[in-house]
Amino acid sequence: MTPNIIDVKAQEDYQILLSFENGEMKIFHMKPYIDKVFLNNCKIRHILQ
């Protein structure tokens, strides 16, 4: 079973830090997705830069 995400923090260079309920932490690189419709928003781009 996949653990639930309990926290998300914006990092530099379009990355987010995901914290899971099992204590695991992962960095997810958002740069490949930044031009997709759901991320094509100036406010979201500003947060992730």
PDB file of N, CA and C in Angstrom:
ATOM      1  N   MET A   1       0.838  -1.174   0.000  1.00  0.00           N
ATOM      2  CA  MET A   1       0.000   0.000   0.000  1.00  0.00           C
ATOM      3  C   MET A   1       0.891   1.248   0.000  1.00  0.00           C
ATOM      4  N   THR A   2       0.468   2.266  -0.713  1.00  0.00           N
ATOM      5  CA  THR A   2       1.199   3.515  -0.798  1.00  0.00           C
ATOM      6  C   THR A   2       0.886   4.389   0.413  1.00  0.00           C
ATOM      7  N   PRO A   3       1.917   4.909   1.107  1.00  0.00           N
ATOM      8  CA  PRO A   3       1.652   5.781   2.259  1.00  0.00           C
ATOM      9  C   PRO A   3       1.091   7.127   1.812  1.00  0.00           C
ATOM     10  N   ASN A   4       0.298   7.741   2.662  1.00  0.00           N
ATOM     11  CA  ASN A   4      -0.283   9.049   2.372  1.00  0.00           C
ATOM     12  C   ASN A   4       0.747  10.153   2.543  1.00  0.00           C
ATOM     13  N   ILE A   5       0.606  11.197   1.731  1.00  0.00           N
ATOM     14  CA  ILE A   5       1.438  12.388   1.864  1.00  0.00           C
ATOM     15  C   ILE A   5       0.855  13.221   2.996  1.00  0.00           C
ATOM     16  N   ILE A   6       1.713  13.629   3.925  1.00  0.00           N
ATOM     17  CA  ILE A   6       1.224  14.428   5.049  1.00  0.00           C
ATOM     18  C   ILE A   6       1.703  15.877   5.003  1.00  0.00           C
ATOM     19  N   ASP A   7       2.716  16.169   4.157  1.00  0.00           N
ATOM     20  CA  ASP A   7       3.217  17.532   4.055  1.00  0.00           C
ATOM     21  C   ASP A   7       3.893  17.736   2.710  1.00  0.00           C
ATOM     22  N   VAL A   8       3.765  18.938   2.170  1.00  0.00           N
ATOM     23  CA  VAL A   8       4.412  19.312   0.912  1.00  0.00           C
ATOM     24  C   VAL A   8       5.040  20.686   1.106  1.00  0.00           C
ATOM     25  N   LYS A   9       6.315  20.807   0.758  1.00  0.00           N
ATOM     26  CA  LYS A   9       7.006  22.087   0.879  1.00  0.00           C
ATOM     27  C   LYS A   9       7.669  22.424  -0.450  1.00  0.00           C
ATOM     28  N   ALA A  10       7.476  23.668  -0.896  1.00  0.00           N
ATOM     29  CA  ALA A  10       8.114  24.140  -2.118  1.00  0.00           C
ATOM     30  C   ALA A  10       9.610  24.301  -1.878  1.00  0.00           C
ATOM     31  N   GLN A  11      10.404  23.877  -2.840  1.00  0.00           N
ATOM     32  CA  GLN A  11      11.856  23.999  -2.798  1.00  0.00           C
ATOM     33  C   GLN A  11      12.283  24.849  -3.997  1.00  0.00           C
ATOM     34  N   GLU A  12      13.563  25.093  -4.126  1.00  0.00           N
ATOM     35  CA  GLU A  12      14.085  25.860  -5.257  1.00  0.00           C
ATOM     36  C   GLU A  12      14.036  25.041  -6.544  1.00  0.00           C
ATOM     37  N   ASP A  13      14.082  25.742  -7.657  1.00  0.00           N
ATOM     38  CA  ASP A  13      14.196  25.143  -8.987  1.00  0.00           C
ATOM     39  C   ASP A  13      13.062  24.161  -9.303  1.00  0.00           C
ATOM     40  N   TYR A  14      11.834  24.563  -9.005  1.00  0.00           N
ATOM     41  CA  TYR A  14      10.636  23.785  -9.351  1.00  0.00           C
ATOM     42  C   TYR A  14      10.623  22.384  -8.726  1.00  0.00           C
ATOM     43  N   GLN A  15      11.065  22.297  -7.491  1.00  0.00           N
ATOM     44  CA  GLN A  15      11.038  21.023  -6.782  1.00  0.00           C
ATOM     45  C   GLN A  15      10.115  21.146  -5.572  1.00  0.00           C
ATOM     46  N   ILE A  16       9.518  20.025  -5.169  1.00  0.00           N
ATOM     47  CA  ILE A  16       8.737  19.984  -3.940  1.00  0.00           C
ATOM     48  C   ILE A  16       9.248  18.846  -3.078  1.00  0.00           C
ATOM     49  N   LEU A  17       9.198  19.054  -1.777  1.00  0.00           N
ATOM     50  CA  LEU A  17       9.599  18.040  -0.809  1.00  0.00           C
ATOM     51  C   LEU A  17       8.328  17.415  -0.253  1.00  0.00           C
ATOM     52  N   LEU A  18       8.170  16.122  -0.468  1.00  0.00           N
ATOM     53  CA  LEU A  18       6.993  15.394  -0.005  1.00  0.00           C
ATOM     54  C   LEU A  18       7.353  14.610   1.252  1.00  0.00           C
ATOM     55  N   SER A  19       6.533  14.744   2.298  1.00  0.00           N
ATOM     56  CA  SER A  19       6.708  13.963   3.530  1.00  0.00           C
ATOM     57  C   SER A  19       5.557  12.978   3.627  1.00  0.00           C
ATOM     58  N   PHE A  20       5.891  11.723   3.870  1.00  0.00           N
ATOM     59  CA  PHE A  20       4.893  10.664   3.935  1.00  0.00           C
ATOM     60  C   PHE A  20       4.641  10.230   5.372  1.00  0.00           C
ATOM     61  N   GLU A  21       3.492   9.603   5.603  1.00  0.00           N
ATOM     62  CA  GLU A  21       3.101   9.188   6.952  1.00  0.00           C
ATOM     63  C   GLU A  21       4.039   8.144   7.560  1.00  0.00           C
ATOM     64  N   ASN A  22       4.800   7.453   6.723  1.00  0.00           N
ATOM     65  CA  ASN A  22       5.742   6.454   7.241  1.00  0.00           C
ATOM     66  C   ASN A  22       7.116   7.052   7.562  1.00  0.00           C
ATOM     67  N   GLY A  23       7.235   8.388   7.489  1.00  0.00           N
ATOM     68  CA  GLY A  23       8.481   9.072   7.801  1.00  0.00           C
ATOM     69  C   GLY A  23       9.387   9.293   6.607  1.00  0.00           C
ATOM     70  N   GLU A  24       9.072   8.696   5.484  1.00  0.00           N
ATOM     71  CA  GLU A  24       9.880   8.841   4.278  1.00  0.00           C
ATOM     72  C   GLU A  24       9.698  10.239   3.693  1.00  0.00           C
ATOM     73  N   MET A  25      10.765  10.772   3.095  1.00  0.00           N
ATOM     74  CA  MET A  25      10.716  12.078   2.433  1.00  0.00           C
ATOM     75  C   MET A  25      11.307  11.913   1.039  1.00  0.00           C
ATOM     76  N   LYS A  26      10.676  12.547   0.062  1.00  0.00           N
ATOM     77  CA  LYS A  26      11.134  12.467  -1.328  1.00  0.00           C
ATOM     78  C   LYS A  26      11.075  13.845  -1.968  1.00  0.00           C
ATOM     79  N   ILE A  27      12.018  14.107  -2.861  1.00  0.00           N
ATOM     80  CA  ILE A  27      12.002  15.325  -3.672  1.00  0.00           C
ATOM     81  C   ILE A  27      11.372  14.968  -5.022  1.00  0.00           C
ATOM     82  N   PHE A  28      10.397  15.763  -5.447  1.00  0.00           N
ATOM     83  CA  PHE A  28       9.757  15.556  -6.740  1.00  0.00           C
ATOM     84  C   PHE A  28      10.088  16.754  -7.616  1.00  0.00           C
ATOM     85  N   HIS A  29      10.626  16.494  -8.789  1.00  0.00           N
ATOM     86  CA  HIS A  29      11.024  17.542  -9.725  1.00  0.00           C
ATOM     87  C   HIS A  29       9.828  17.908 -10.611  1.00  0.00           C
ATOM     88  N   MET A  30       9.340  19.137 -10.477  1.00  0.00           N
ATOM     89  CA  MET A  30       8.144  19.588 -11.187  1.00  0.00           C
ATOM     90  C   MET A  30       8.459  20.236 -12.540  1.00  0.00           C
ATOM     91  N   LYS A  31       9.715  20.498 -12.824  1.00  0.00           N
ATOM     92  CA  LYS A  31      10.085  21.224 -14.041  1.00  0.00           C
ATOM     93  C   LYS A  31       9.521  20.593 -15.321  1.00  0.00           C
ATOM     94  N   PRO A  32       9.520  19.262 -15.481  1.00  0.00           N
ATOM     95  CA  PRO A  32       8.963  18.686 -16.706  1.00  0.00           C
ATOM     96  C   PRO A  32       7.451  18.926 -16.847  1.00  0.00           C
ATOM     97  N   TYR A  33       6.787  19.241 -15.752  1.00  0.00           N
ATOM     98  CA  TYR A  33       5.332  19.401 -15.768  1.00  0.00           C
ATOM     99  C   TYR A  33       4.889  20.856 -15.760  1.00  0.00           C
ATOM    100  N   ILE A  34       5.821  21.792 -15.689  1.00  0.00           N
ATOM    101  CA  ILE A  34       5.480  23.194 -15.475  1.00  0.00           C
ATOM    102  C   ILE A  34       4.681  23.791 -16.637  1.00  0.00           C
ATOM    103  N   ASP A  35       4.823  23.270 -17.830  1.00  0.00           N
ATOM    104  CA  ASP A  35       4.074  23.802 -18.967  1.00  0.00           C
ATOM    105  C   ASP A  35       2.742  23.099 -19.188  1.00  0.00           C
ATOM    106  N   LYS A  36       2.417  22.146 -18.357  1.00  0.00           N
ATOM    107  CA  LYS A  36       1.128  21.462 -18.459  1.00  0.00           C
ATOM    108  C   LYS A  36       0.026  22.410 -17.994  1.00  0.00           C
ATOM    109  N   VAL A  37      -1.180  22.161 -18.389  1.00  0.00           N
ATOM    110  CA  VAL A  37      -2.308  23.052 -18.107  1.00  0.00           C
ATOM    111  C   VAL A  37      -2.475  23.327 -16.621  1.00  0.00           C
ATOM    112  N   PHE A  38      -2.413  22.297 -15.778  1.00  0.00           N
ATOM    113  CA  PHE A  38      -2.679  22.509 -14.361  1.00  0.00           C
ATOM    114  C   PHE A  38      -1.591  23.300 -13.647  1.00  0.00           C
ATOM    115  N   LEU A  39      -0.408  23.411 -14.217  1.00  0.00           N
ATOM    116  CA  LEU A  39       0.654  24.201 -13.611  1.00  0.00           C
ATOM    117  C   LEU A  39       0.932  25.487 -14.378  1.00  0.00           C
ATOM    118  N   ASN A  40       0.179  25.746 -15.404  1.00  0.00           N
ATOM    119  CA  ASN A  40       0.413  26.931 -16.215  1.00  0.00           C
ATOM    120  C   ASN A  40      -0.273  28.135 -15.568  1.00  0.00           C
ATOM    121  N   ASN A  41       0.157  28.447 -14.366  1.00  0.00           N
ATOM    122  CA  ASN A  41      -0.421  29.508 -13.565  1.00  0.00           C
ATOM    123  C   ASN A  41       0.724  30.295 -12.940  1.00  0.00           C
ATOM    124  N   CYS A  42       0.713  31.607 -13.086  1.00  0.00           N
ATOM    125  CA  CYS A  42       1.824  32.439 -12.587  1.00  0.00           C
ATOM    126  C   CYS A  42       2.036  32.290 -11.088  1.00  0.00           C
ATOM    127  N   LYS A  43       0.971  32.164 -10.309  1.00  0.00           N
ATOM    128  CA  LYS A  43       1.122  32.026  -8.859  1.00  0.00           C
ATOM    129  C   LYS A  43       1.840  30.734  -8.513  1.00  0.00           C
ATOM    130  N   ILE A  44       1.478  29.632  -9.161  1.00  0.00           N
ATOM    131  CA  ILE A  44       2.122  28.348  -8.886  1.00  0.00           C
ATOM    132  C   ILE A  44       3.585  28.386  -9.326  1.00  0.00           C
ATOM    133  N   ARG A  45       3.850  28.957 -10.485  1.00  0.00           N
ATOM    134  CA  ARG A  45       5.232  29.069 -10.954  1.00  0.00           C
ATOM    135  C   ARG A  45       6.082  29.853  -9.948  1.00  0.00           C
ATOM    136  N   HIS A  46       5.522  30.946  -9.421  1.00  0.00           N
ATOM    137  CA  HIS A  46       6.259  31.770  -8.453  1.00  0.00           C
ATOM    138  C   HIS A  46       6.572  30.970  -7.184  1.00  0.00           C
ATOM    139  N   ILE A  47       5.645  30.183  -6.697  1.00  0.00           N
ATOM    140  CA  ILE A  47       5.863  29.395  -5.489  1.00  0.00           C
ATOM    141  C   ILE A  47       6.967  28.365  -5.700  1.00  0.00           C
ATOM    142  N   LEU A  48       7.003  27.739  -6.870  1.00  0.00           N
ATOM    143  CA  LEU A  48       7.949  26.660  -7.126  1.00  0.00           C
ATOM    144  C   LEU A  48       9.324  27.113  -7.563  1.00  0.00           C
ATOM    145  N   GLN A  49       9.502  28.375  -7.934  1.00  0.00           N
ATOM    146  CA  GLN A  49      10.807  28.835  -8.397  1.00  0.00           C
ATOM    147  C   GLN A  49      11.814  28.911  -7.278  1.00  0.00           C
TER     148      GLN A  49
END
